[in-house]
Amino acid sequence: MEGNFTAVNFEFAKYGTDIEVPIISVFALKIQEWKPVQSFHEYVSYDGEVSSAVTTDTGITSNLLKEKGISLLEVIDKLQKFISGDLVVEFNLPYVMPELEKHMPGFVLNNNFLDMFYIMSRDFHPPYGLAKVCAANGIVIGNGGPGGDAITLLNFTKFCKRRIDITEDINTTVVYNKPKYLFNNSLNKFKVHTLYRTTSPGNESKPRQSVKRTAEMRIFP
């Protein structure tokens, strides 16, 4: 990858591990030789409530989305033109793709991708969450909002690239205790890892033990 890719950050209406949570903002940074050279940002039209925690972290409110938001279909169309043929580096693919499939049946991600959520889940012990992992490892965190999250993702990716060959993880994603619900794809080469958490509540200080099952598969053929 040599430091050339597009880092994409999706913001959701609330935090948590629910699969179906509305996307409310999309921010992307085009990276060349590990430096941002161009940015993309659009709000998604949404009539529901944005959680107070999301508003505190991002400044996004329900009124802002009503005033400046456009349809998710329009946002993704613009995003795909911005990304072009770049490698996509993202952090929430297991949550993003079902939402895109829901609103745009038959949606296909044609780009190669690098899911940093998978790498964090595999190689880092708790506390989880991108900002927490970065703070624990001395990785510079961006200054809030969607743009700041994209910078954090860039720095985390660079940190990992120095230590392991993450190019081997391209087109690999992860599902936690979930069926193979993910998404359609035209590449027919996505690898899905299912990680089963075995650390019981209250024992978070112990190293997490996981059983890893890997399969080459086509989701929703």
Protein backbone atom coordinates (compact mmCIF):
# COMPACT_ATOMS: atom_id res chain seq x y z
CA MET A 1 0.00 0.00 0.00
CA GLU A 2 3.01 2.30 0.55
CA GLY A 3 0.96 5.05 2.17
CA ASN A 4 -1.43 5.65 -0.74
CA PHE A 5 -5.14 5.10 0.00
CA THR A 6 -8.37 6.85 0.99
CA ALA A 7 -9.29 6.80 4.68
CA VAL A 8 -13.05 6.85 5.15
CA ASN A 9 -14.90 7.64 8.38
CA PHE A 10 -18.63 6.99 8.81
CA GLU A 11 -20.46 8.63 11.70
CA PHE A 12 -23.56 6.97 13.13
CA ALA A 13 -26.59 8.36 14.97
CA LYS A 14 -25.53 6.56 18.15
CA TYR A 15 -22.67 4.52 19.57
CA GLY A 16 -22.88 0.85 20.41
CA THR A 17 -22.69 -2.55 18.77
CA ASP A 18 -26.08 -2.58 17.02
CA ILE A 19 -25.75 -3.68 13.42
CA GLU A 20 -28.44 -1.40 12.01
CA VAL A 21 -27.64 2.19 13.02
CA PRO A 22 -28.25 5.09 10.60
CA ILE A 23 -25.20 6.67 8.97
CA ILE A 24 -25.36 10.46 9.45
CA SER A 25 -22.04 11.71 8.07
CA VAL A 26 -19.25 10.54 5.78
CA PHE A 27 -15.75 12.00 5.78
CA ALA A 28 -12.86 10.82 3.62
CA LEU A 29 -9.20 11.75 3.30
CA LYS A 30 -7.20 10.94 0.19
CA ILE A 31 -3.71 9.97 1.35
CA GLN A 32 -0.52 10.02 -0.70
CA GLU A 33 2.76 8.89 0.85
CA TRP A 34 1.08 9.01 4.28
CA LYS A 35 0.00 12.66 3.89
CA PRO A 36 -3.58 13.99 3.40
CA VAL A 37 -3.92 15.71 0.02
CA GLN A 38 -7.70 16.07 -0.40
CA SER A 39 -10.84 15.71 1.71
CA PHE A 40 -14.51 14.85 1.25
CA HIS A 41 -17.38 15.49 3.67
CA GLU A 42 -21.15 15.19 3.42
CA TYR A 43 -23.99 14.98 5.95
CA VAL A 44 -26.75 12.40 5.47
CA SER A 45 -30.38 13.47 5.75
CA TYR A 46 -31.91 11.94 8.88
CA ASP A 47 -35.23 12.64 10.66
CA GLY A 48 -34.44 10.77 13.86
CA GLU A 49 -32.56 11.76 16.98
CA VAL A 50 -28.78 11.94 17.24
CA SER A 51 -27.48 10.72 20.59
CA SER A 52 -26.04 13.34 22.92
CA ALA A 53 -22.73 11.46 23.02
CA VAL A 54 -22.38 11.66 19.23
CA THR A 55 -23.29 15.37 19.29
CA THR A 56 -20.69 16.03 22.00
CA ASP A 57 -17.95 14.25 20.04
CA THR A 58 -18.79 15.47 16.54
CA GLY A 59 -20.97 18.55 16.81
CA ILE A 60 -23.59 16.86 14.63
CA THR A 61 -27.19 17.56 15.65
CA SER A 62 -30.57 16.48 14.31
CA ASN A 63 -31.25 20.04 13.09
CA LEU A 64 -27.91 20.13 11.24
CA LEU A 65 -28.79 16.94 9.38
CA LYS A 66 -32.22 18.30 8.44
CA GLU A 67 -30.68 21.50 7.13
CA LYS A 68 -27.57 20.19 5.35
CA GLY A 69 -28.12 16.46 4.88
CA ILE A 70 -28.63 14.79 1.51
CA SER A 71 -29.74 11.25 0.79
CA LEU A 72 -27.37 8.40 1.59
CA LEU A 73 -27.55 7.34 -2.06
CA GLU A 74 -26.26 10.77 -3.15
CA VAL A 75 -23.52 10.74 -0.51
CA ILE A 76 -22.25 7.31 -1.52
CA ASP A 77 -22.37 8.22 -5.21
CA LYS A 78 -20.20 11.29 -4.51
CA LEU A 79 -17.92 9.26 -2.23
CA GLN A 80 -17.32 6.58 -4.85
CA LYS A 81 -16.33 9.25 -7.38
CA PHE A 82 -13.96 10.78 -4.82
CA ILE A 83 -12.37 7.42 -3.94
CA SER A 84 -12.12 6.29 -7.56
CA GLY A 85 -9.92 3.17 -7.65
CA ASP A 86 -8.11 3.78 -4.34
CA LEU A 87 -7.61 1.23 -1.60
CA VAL A 88 -10.23 2.06 1.04
CA VAL A 89 -9.05 2.12 4.68
CA GLU A 90 -11.98 2.06 7.10
CA PHE A 91 -12.74 1.16 10.70
CA ASN A 92 -16.41 0.14 10.90
CA LEU A 93 -17.03 -2.01 7.84
CA PRO A 94 -19.01 -4.70 9.73
CA TYR A 95 -21.50 -1.94 10.65
CA VAL A 96 -21.31 0.22 7.51
CA MET A 97 -21.93 -2.42 4.88
CA PRO A 98 -25.25 -3.80 6.22
CA GLU A 99 -26.55 -0.21 6.43
CA LEU A 100 -25.56 0.47 2.82
CA GLU A 101 -27.06 -2.83 1.69
CA LYS A 102 -30.28 -1.95 3.53
CA HIS A 103 -30.74 1.41 1.79
CA MET A 104 -29.16 0.43 -1.52
CA PRO A 105 -30.02 -3.22 -2.22
CA GLY A 106 -27.37 -4.85 -4.34
CA PHE A 107 -24.72 -2.31 -3.33
CA VAL A 108 -21.26 -3.50 -4.29
CA LEU A 109 -17.93 -2.30 -2.92
CA ASN A 110 -15.63 -2.69 -5.91
CA ASN A 111 -12.53 -1.29 -4.21
CA ASN A 112 -10.01 -3.31 -2.29
CA PHE A 113 -10.32 -2.42 1.40
CA LEU A 114 -8.40 -2.60 4.64
CA ASP A 115 -10.63 -2.94 7.71
CA MET A 116 -8.63 -1.58 10.66
CA PHE A 117 -11.38 -2.74 13.02
CA TYR A 118 -10.35 -6.30 12.18
CA ILE A 119 -6.68 -5.56 12.84
CA MET A 120 -7.48 -3.85 16.14
CA SER A 121 -9.67 -6.80 17.19
CA ARG A 122 -6.97 -9.31 16.32
CA ASP A 123 -3.81 -7.58 17.53
CA PHE A 124 -4.82 -5.32 20.44
CA HIS A 125 -6.19 -6.23 23.85
CA PRO A 126 -8.78 -4.11 25.70
CA PRO A 127 -9.60 -1.29 26.08
CA TYR A 128 -11.28 -1.35 22.68
CA GLY A 129 -12.29 1.63 20.60
CA LEU A 130 -9.96 3.38 18.18
CA ALA A 131 -9.29 6.41 20.38
CA LYS A 132 -8.60 4.23 23.45
CA VAL A 133 -6.21 1.96 21.57
CA CYS A 134 -4.39 4.96 20.12
CA ALA A 135 -4.10 6.63 23.53
CA ALA A 136 -2.75 3.41 25.06
CA ASN A 137 -0.08 3.12 22.36
CA GLY A 138 1.02 6.75 22.07
CA ILE A 139 -0.67 7.25 18.68
CA VAL A 140 -1.67 10.85 17.91
CA ILE A 141 -5.45 11.34 18.00
CA GLY A 142 -7.17 13.81 15.65
CA ASN A 143 -8.95 16.90 16.97
CA GLY A 144 -12.54 15.69 17.21
CA GLY A 145 -15.27 15.47 14.60
CA PRO A 146 -15.31 13.36 11.43
CA GLY A 147 -12.09 14.93 10.13
CA GLY A 148 -10.30 14.23 13.38
CA ASP A 149 -11.45 10.61 13.32
CA ALA A 150 -10.04 10.20 9.81
CA ILE A 151 -6.68 11.59 11.00
CA THR A 152 -6.77 9.16 13.93
CA LEU A 153 -7.45 6.32 11.50
CA LEU A 154 -4.54 7.44 9.32
CA ASN A 155 -2.17 7.51 12.31
CA PHE A 156 -3.36 4.11 13.56
CA THR A 157 -2.87 2.59 10.10
CA LYS A 158 0.64 4.01 9.87
CA PHE A 159 1.45 2.70 13.36
CA CYS A 160 0.31 -0.81 12.41
CA LYS A 161 2.09 -0.74 9.05
CA ARG A 162 5.43 -0.16 10.82
CA ARG A 163 4.97 -3.32 12.88
CA ILE A 164 3.18 -5.88 10.73
CA ASP A 165 2.55 -6.55 7.06
CA ILE A 166 -1.04 -5.34 6.97
CA THR A 167 -1.11 -5.72 3.20
CA GLU A 168 -1.86 -9.38 3.93
CA ASP A 169 -5.10 -8.23 5.57
CA ILE A 170 -6.52 -6.44 2.53
CA ASN A 171 -10.11 -7.58 1.84
CA THR A 172 -10.41 -9.18 5.29
CA THR A 173 -13.09 -8.19 7.78
CA VAL A 174 -14.45 -9.50 11.08
CA VAL A 175 -17.77 -10.49 12.62
CA TYR A 176 -18.32 -10.91 16.37
CA ASN A 177 -20.65 -13.79 17.24
CA LYS A 178 -22.80 -12.95 14.22
CA PRO A 179 -24.00 -14.95 11.22
CA LYS A 180 -22.58 -14.19 7.81
CA TYR A 181 -24.80 -11.15 7.33
CA LEU A 182 -22.23 -8.85 5.82
CA PHE A 183 -22.59 -7.77 2.23
CA ASN A 184 -22.59 -8.45 -1.46
CA ASN A 185 -19.33 -8.08 -3.31
CA SER A 186 -18.12 -8.35 -6.86
CA LEU A 187 -14.51 -9.23 -6.03
CA ASN A 188 -15.54 -12.65 -4.70
CA LYS A 189 -12.44 -12.74 -2.52
CA PHE A 190 -13.42 -11.16 0.80
CA LYS A 191 -12.18 -13.12 3.81
CA VAL A 192 -14.43 -13.10 6.86
CA HIS A 193 -13.03 -13.91 10.30
CA THR A 194 -15.49 -14.83 13.03
CA LEU A 195 -14.02 -14.09 16.47
CA TYR A 196 -15.70 -15.67 19.47
CA ARG A 197 -15.13 -13.72 22.67
CA THR A 198 -14.30 -16.03 25.58
CA THR A 199 -13.32 -13.42 28.16
CA SER A 200 -16.10 -13.24 30.74
CA PRO A 201 -17.34 -9.89 32.15
CA GLY A 202 -15.16 -8.77 35.03
CA ASN A 203 -12.06 -10.42 33.57
CA GLU A 204 -11.26 -7.72 31.03
CA SER A 205 -7.77 -7.34 32.48
CA LYS A 206 -6.86 -10.84 31.28
CA PRO A 207 -5.65 -11.24 27.69
CA ARG A 208 -8.62 -11.92 25.43
CA GLN A 209 -8.66 -15.45 24.05
CA SER A 210 -10.31 -15.90 20.66
CA VAL A 211 -11.07 -18.81 18.41
CA LYS A 212 -10.58 -17.70 14.82
CA ARG A 213 -12.40 -19.27 11.91
CA THR A 214 -11.43 -18.09 8.44
CA ALA A 215 -13.18 -18.79 5.17
CA GLU A 216 -12.99 -17.53 1.61
CA MET A 217 -16.60 -16.90 0.65
CA ARG A 218 -19.05 -14.86 -1.33
CA ILE A 219 -21.69 -13.22 0.89
CA PHE A 220 -25.24 -13.23 -0.49
CA PRO A 221 -24.31 -14.89 -3.81
